[in-house]
Amino acid sequence: PVGTESARSSACSAMPTRSWEGLPLVALECFASGCPIVGTDPPGLGNLIEPGANGLRVPMEDVDALAHSLTEVSTRPEWTRQLGDYALRQSKEYDWANVAAR
C-alpha cells in the first residue's frame, strides 16, 4: 500500500488517471498519510480531490496543467503542508470504523 513512509515523505502524489476508477483506495491511503494529491478529474478520483483544500485537480490529458500544478506544490512547501494536513483530517471520514457506523 501507498500509506507508508514513501507517501509520508512526499510533497504530493501525482495521479494522472485517464479513466473512471470508482473510489481509488490509493488516494485514500495518500490522504491518510497526509499526502495531498495532484490528480485528474475523472469520476471517482475527481470527486475526492477538493482543489486548494486536499490537493489540486486538473483536466484529463492536460499535461501543461498537470506540470503547472506539480510545480505549484513543489515550490510552495507551507501551502502544500496545509493541503496535506487537510487531507489527513479528511481521511478520517473514510476510516473503516466510521464507514461501518454509517
N, C-alpha and C. Protein backbone atom coordinates (compact mmCIF):
# COMPACT_ATOMS: atom_id res chain seq x y z
N PRO A 1 0.81 -1.20 0.00
CA PRO A 1 0.00 0.00 0.00
C PRO A 1 0.85 1.26 0.00
N VAL A 2 0.27 2.32 -0.49
CA VAL A 2 0.97 3.60 -0.56
C VAL A 2 1.13 4.21 0.82
N GLY A 3 0.26 3.91 1.76
CA GLY A 3 0.27 4.54 3.08
C GLY A 3 1.49 4.17 3.89
N THR A 4 2.67 4.40 3.36
CA THR A 4 3.93 4.06 4.00
C THR A 4 4.79 5.31 4.10
N GLU A 5 6.02 5.10 4.53
CA GLU A 5 6.95 6.22 4.65
C GLU A 5 7.13 6.97 3.33
N SER A 6 7.04 6.27 2.20
CA SER A 6 7.23 6.96 0.92
C SER A 6 6.16 8.02 0.71
N ALA A 7 4.92 7.73 1.04
CA ALA A 7 3.86 8.73 0.89
C ALA A 7 4.02 9.83 1.93
N ARG A 8 4.40 9.45 3.14
CA ARG A 8 4.55 10.45 4.21
C ARG A 8 5.69 11.43 3.92
N SER A 9 6.70 10.97 3.21
CA SER A 9 7.84 11.84 2.94
C SER A 9 7.72 12.58 1.61
N SER A 10 6.64 12.36 0.88
CA SER A 10 6.44 13.01 -0.41
C SER A 10 5.72 14.33 -0.25
N ALA A 11 6.04 15.28 -1.11
CA ALA A 11 5.33 16.56 -1.10
C ALA A 11 3.89 16.36 -1.54
N CYS A 12 3.69 15.47 -2.51
CA CYS A 12 2.36 15.17 -3.00
C CYS A 12 2.40 13.86 -3.77
N SER A 13 1.24 13.40 -4.14
CA SER A 13 1.15 12.23 -5.01
C SER A 13 0.53 12.67 -6.33
N ALA A 14 1.18 12.31 -7.43
CA ALA A 14 0.65 12.63 -8.76
C ALA A 14 -0.19 11.46 -9.24
N MET A 15 -1.44 11.74 -9.59
CA MET A 15 -2.35 10.69 -10.05
C MET A 15 -3.02 11.15 -11.35
N PRO A 16 -2.30 11.05 -12.48
CA PRO A 16 -2.87 11.48 -13.77
C PRO A 16 -3.75 10.40 -14.39
N THR A 17 -4.80 10.03 -13.69
CA THR A 17 -5.71 8.97 -14.12
C THR A 17 -6.43 9.37 -15.40
N ARG A 18 -6.63 8.39 -16.27
CA ARG A 18 -7.26 8.66 -17.57
C ARG A 18 -8.63 8.01 -17.69
N SER A 19 -9.11 7.39 -16.62
CA SER A 19 -10.41 6.74 -16.72
C SER A 19 -11.10 6.73 -15.36
N TRP A 20 -12.37 6.36 -15.36
CA TRP A 20 -13.16 6.26 -14.14
C TRP A 20 -12.59 5.18 -13.26
N GLU A 21 -12.51 5.42 -11.95
CA GLU A 21 -11.93 4.46 -11.02
C GLU A 21 -12.81 4.11 -9.84
N GLY A 22 -13.99 4.64 -9.73
CA GLY A 22 -14.76 4.42 -8.52
C GLY A 22 -14.14 5.21 -7.38
N LEU A 23 -13.91 4.57 -6.26
CA LEU A 23 -13.27 5.22 -5.11
C LEU A 23 -11.85 4.65 -4.99
N PRO A 24 -10.85 5.36 -5.52
CA PRO A 24 -9.50 4.80 -5.55
C PRO A 24 -8.86 4.72 -4.15
N LEU A 25 -8.59 3.50 -3.73
CA LEU A 25 -8.01 3.27 -2.41
C LEU A 25 -6.66 3.96 -2.25
N VAL A 26 -5.87 4.00 -3.31
CA VAL A 26 -4.55 4.64 -3.20
C VAL A 26 -4.69 6.12 -2.84
N ALA A 27 -5.73 6.77 -3.32
CA ALA A 27 -5.95 8.18 -2.97
C ALA A 27 -6.25 8.31 -1.47
N LEU A 28 -7.07 7.41 -0.95
CA LEU A 28 -7.38 7.45 0.48
C LEU A 28 -6.15 7.16 1.32
N GLU A 29 -5.30 6.25 0.84
CA GLU A 29 -4.05 5.96 1.55
C GLU A 29 -3.14 7.19 1.57
N CYS A 30 -3.09 7.90 0.47
CA CYS A 30 -2.29 9.13 0.43
C CYS A 30 -2.83 10.14 1.44
N PHE A 31 -4.13 10.35 1.42
CA PHE A 31 -4.73 11.29 2.36
C PHE A 31 -4.43 10.87 3.80
N ALA A 32 -4.54 9.58 4.10
CA ALA A 32 -4.30 9.08 5.46
C ALA A 32 -2.84 9.26 5.87
N SER A 33 -1.97 9.44 4.90
CA SER A 33 -0.56 9.70 5.17
C SER A 33 -0.25 11.19 5.20
N GLY A 34 -1.28 12.02 5.01
CA GLY A 34 -1.06 13.46 4.99
C GLY A 34 -0.43 13.94 3.70
N CYS A 35 -0.66 13.19 2.64
CA CYS A 35 -0.06 13.49 1.35
C CYS A 35 -1.15 14.00 0.40
N PRO A 36 -1.11 15.26 0.01
CA PRO A 36 -2.11 15.78 -0.92
C PRO A 36 -1.92 15.17 -2.32
N ILE A 37 -2.95 15.27 -3.14
CA ILE A 37 -2.92 14.68 -4.47
C ILE A 37 -3.02 15.77 -5.53
N VAL A 38 -2.20 15.63 -6.56
CA VAL A 38 -2.36 16.38 -7.80
C VAL A 38 -2.87 15.34 -8.79
N GLY A 39 -4.13 15.45 -9.15
CA GLY A 39 -4.71 14.42 -9.99
C GLY A 39 -5.69 14.96 -11.00
N THR A 40 -6.09 14.07 -11.89
CA THR A 40 -7.04 14.43 -12.92
C THR A 40 -8.46 14.32 -12.40
N ASP A 41 -9.42 14.66 -13.26
CA ASP A 41 -10.79 14.85 -12.82
C ASP A 41 -11.81 13.81 -13.29
N PRO A 42 -11.43 12.54 -13.49
CA PRO A 42 -12.47 11.58 -13.84
C PRO A 42 -13.36 11.30 -12.63
N PRO A 43 -14.56 10.78 -12.85
CA PRO A 43 -15.39 10.39 -11.71
C PRO A 43 -14.60 9.45 -10.79
N GLY A 44 -14.82 9.59 -9.52
CA GLY A 44 -14.08 8.81 -8.54
C GLY A 44 -12.99 9.67 -7.96
N LEU A 45 -11.84 9.67 -8.59
CA LEU A 45 -10.72 10.48 -8.12
C LEU A 45 -11.08 11.96 -8.14
N GLY A 46 -11.70 12.40 -9.20
CA GLY A 46 -12.08 13.81 -9.31
C GLY A 46 -13.04 14.25 -8.22
N ASN A 47 -13.84 13.31 -7.71
CA ASN A 47 -14.79 13.63 -6.65
C ASN A 47 -14.10 13.74 -5.29
N LEU A 48 -12.97 13.07 -5.12
CA LEU A 48 -12.26 13.12 -3.84
C LEU A 48 -11.41 14.37 -3.68
N ILE A 49 -10.86 14.84 -4.78
CA ILE A 49 -9.96 15.99 -4.70
C ILE A 49 -10.76 17.28 -4.61
N GLU A 50 -10.52 18.02 -3.53
CA GLU A 50 -11.11 19.34 -3.35
C GLU A 50 -10.01 20.35 -3.66
N PRO A 51 -10.06 20.96 -4.85
CA PRO A 51 -8.97 21.84 -5.26
C PRO A 51 -8.67 22.93 -4.23
N GLY A 52 -7.39 23.02 -3.88
CA GLY A 52 -6.96 24.02 -2.92
C GLY A 52 -7.21 23.64 -1.48
N ALA A 53 -7.82 22.48 -1.24
CA ALA A 53 -8.07 22.02 0.13
C ALA A 53 -7.24 20.78 0.44
N ASN A 54 -7.36 19.73 -0.37
CA ASN A 54 -6.61 18.49 -0.13
C ASN A 54 -5.73 18.12 -1.32
N GLY A 55 -5.66 19.00 -2.29
CA GLY A 55 -4.84 18.75 -3.47
C GLY A 55 -5.24 19.67 -4.60
N LEU A 56 -4.84 19.29 -5.79
CA LEU A 56 -5.17 20.06 -6.99
C LEU A 56 -5.71 19.12 -8.04
N ARG A 57 -6.72 19.58 -8.76
CA ARG A 57 -7.37 18.76 -9.79
C ARG A 57 -7.14 19.40 -11.14
N VAL A 58 -6.76 18.59 -12.12
CA VAL A 58 -6.50 19.09 -13.47
C VAL A 58 -7.32 18.27 -14.47
N PRO A 59 -7.63 18.84 -15.62
CA PRO A 59 -8.37 18.08 -16.64
C PRO A 59 -7.54 16.91 -17.17
N MET A 60 -8.22 15.81 -17.47
CA MET A 60 -7.53 14.68 -18.08
C MET A 60 -6.85 15.12 -19.37
N GLU A 61 -5.71 14.56 -19.63
CA GLU A 61 -4.94 14.80 -20.86
C GLU A 61 -4.31 16.19 -20.93
N ASP A 62 -4.45 17.01 -19.90
CA ASP A 62 -3.87 18.37 -19.94
C ASP A 62 -2.50 18.34 -19.24
N VAL A 63 -1.49 18.02 -20.01
CA VAL A 63 -0.14 17.87 -19.49
C VAL A 63 0.38 19.19 -18.93
N ASP A 64 0.06 20.29 -19.58
CA ASP A 64 0.53 21.59 -19.10
C ASP A 64 -0.06 21.92 -17.73
N ALA A 65 -1.34 21.66 -17.55
CA ALA A 65 -1.99 21.92 -16.25
C ALA A 65 -1.39 21.02 -15.16
N LEU A 66 -1.12 19.77 -15.52
CA LEU A 66 -0.50 18.85 -14.56
C LEU A 66 0.88 19.36 -14.16
N ALA A 67 1.68 19.75 -15.14
CA ALA A 67 3.02 20.27 -14.86
C ALA A 67 2.95 21.53 -14.00
N HIS A 68 2.03 22.42 -14.32
CA HIS A 68 1.87 23.66 -13.55
C HIS A 68 1.50 23.34 -12.09
N SER A 69 0.56 22.43 -11.90
CA SER A 69 0.13 22.08 -10.55
C SER A 69 1.24 21.41 -9.75
N LEU A 70 2.00 20.54 -10.39
CA LEU A 70 3.12 19.90 -9.70
C LEU A 70 4.18 20.94 -9.33
N THR A 71 4.38 21.91 -10.19
CA THR A 71 5.32 23.00 -9.87
C THR A 71 4.81 23.79 -8.68
N GLU A 72 3.51 24.06 -8.64
CA GLU A 72 2.93 24.80 -7.52
C GLU A 72 3.20 24.11 -6.19
N VAL A 73 2.93 22.81 -6.10
CA VAL A 73 3.13 22.13 -4.82
C VAL A 73 4.61 21.96 -4.48
N SER A 74 5.45 21.90 -5.48
CA SER A 74 6.88 21.72 -5.19
C SER A 74 7.57 23.03 -4.81
N THR A 75 6.98 24.15 -5.15
CA THR A 75 7.61 25.44 -4.85
C THR A 75 6.93 26.19 -3.71
N ARG A 76 5.86 25.63 -3.17
CA ARG A 76 5.14 26.28 -2.07
C ARG A 76 4.97 25.29 -0.92
N PRO A 77 6.07 24.97 -0.22
CA PRO A 77 6.03 23.90 0.78
C PRO A 77 5.05 24.14 1.94
N GLU A 78 4.92 25.37 2.41
CA GLU A 78 3.99 25.61 3.53
C GLU A 78 2.55 25.36 3.10
N TRP A 79 2.18 25.86 1.96
CA TRP A 79 0.83 25.64 1.42
C TRP A 79 0.58 24.15 1.17
N THR A 80 1.60 23.47 0.64
CA THR A 80 1.47 22.04 0.38
C THR A 80 1.28 21.28 1.69
N ARG A 81 1.96 21.68 2.75
CA ARG A 81 1.74 21.06 4.07
C ARG A 81 0.31 21.28 4.54
N GLN A 82 -0.24 22.46 4.28
CA GLN A 82 -1.63 22.73 4.66
C GLN A 82 -2.58 21.82 3.89
N LEU A 83 -2.30 21.61 2.60
CA LEU A 83 -3.12 20.68 1.82
C LEU A 83 -3.05 19.28 2.44
N GLY A 84 -1.86 18.86 2.81
CA GLY A 84 -1.68 17.54 3.41
C GLY A 84 -2.36 17.42 4.76
N ASP A 85 -2.31 18.48 5.55
CA ASP A 85 -2.98 18.47 6.86
C ASP A 85 -4.49 18.29 6.69
N TYR A 86 -5.05 19.00 5.72
CA TYR A 86 -6.49 18.87 5.47
C TYR A 86 -6.81 17.47 4.94
N ALA A 87 -5.96 16.96 4.04
CA ALA A 87 -6.17 15.61 3.50
C ALA A 87 -6.18 14.58 4.64
N LEU A 88 -5.27 14.73 5.58
CA LEU A 88 -5.21 13.81 6.72
C LEU A 88 -6.49 13.89 7.55
N ARG A 89 -6.94 15.09 7.83
CA ARG A 89 -8.20 15.24 8.59
C ARG A 89 -9.37 14.64 7.82
N GLN A 90 -9.40 14.90 6.51
CA GLN A 90 -10.49 14.39 5.69
C GLN A 90 -10.49 12.86 5.63
N SER A 91 -9.33 12.26 5.69
CA SER A 91 -9.23 10.80 5.57
C SER A 91 -9.99 10.09 6.69
N LYS A 92 -10.18 10.77 7.81
CA LYS A 92 -10.89 10.16 8.94
C LYS A 92 -12.33 9.78 8.55
N GLU A 93 -12.91 10.51 7.59
CA GLU A 93 -14.26 10.20 7.12
C GLU A 93 -14.33 8.80 6.51
N TYR A 94 -13.21 8.32 5.98
CA TYR A 94 -13.17 7.04 5.30
C TYR A 94 -12.58 5.92 6.15
N ASP A 95 -12.29 6.21 7.42
CA ASP A 95 -11.81 5.19 8.34
C ASP A 95 -12.88 4.10 8.44
N TRP A 96 -12.44 2.82 8.43
CA TRP A 96 -13.41 1.72 8.42
C TRP A 96 -14.39 1.80 9.58
N ALA A 97 -13.94 2.21 10.74
CA ALA A 97 -14.86 2.31 11.89
C ALA A 97 -15.95 3.33 11.62
N ASN A 98 -15.60 4.45 11.01
CA ASN A 98 -16.59 5.48 10.70
C ASN A 98 -17.52 5.03 9.57
N VAL A 99 -16.97 4.36 8.58
CA VAL A 99 -17.80 3.86 7.48
C VAL A 99 -18.79 2.83 7.99
N ALA A 100 -18.33 1.92 8.85
CA ALA A 100 -19.20 0.87 9.38
C ALA A 100 -20.31 1.45 10.26
N ALA A 101 -20.02 2.56 10.93
CA ALA A 101 -21.01 3.18 11.81
C ALA A 101 -22.15 3.84 11.03
N ARG A 102 -21.92 4.11 9.74
CA ARG A 102 -22.95 4.79 8.94
C ARG A 102 -24.01 3.83 8.58
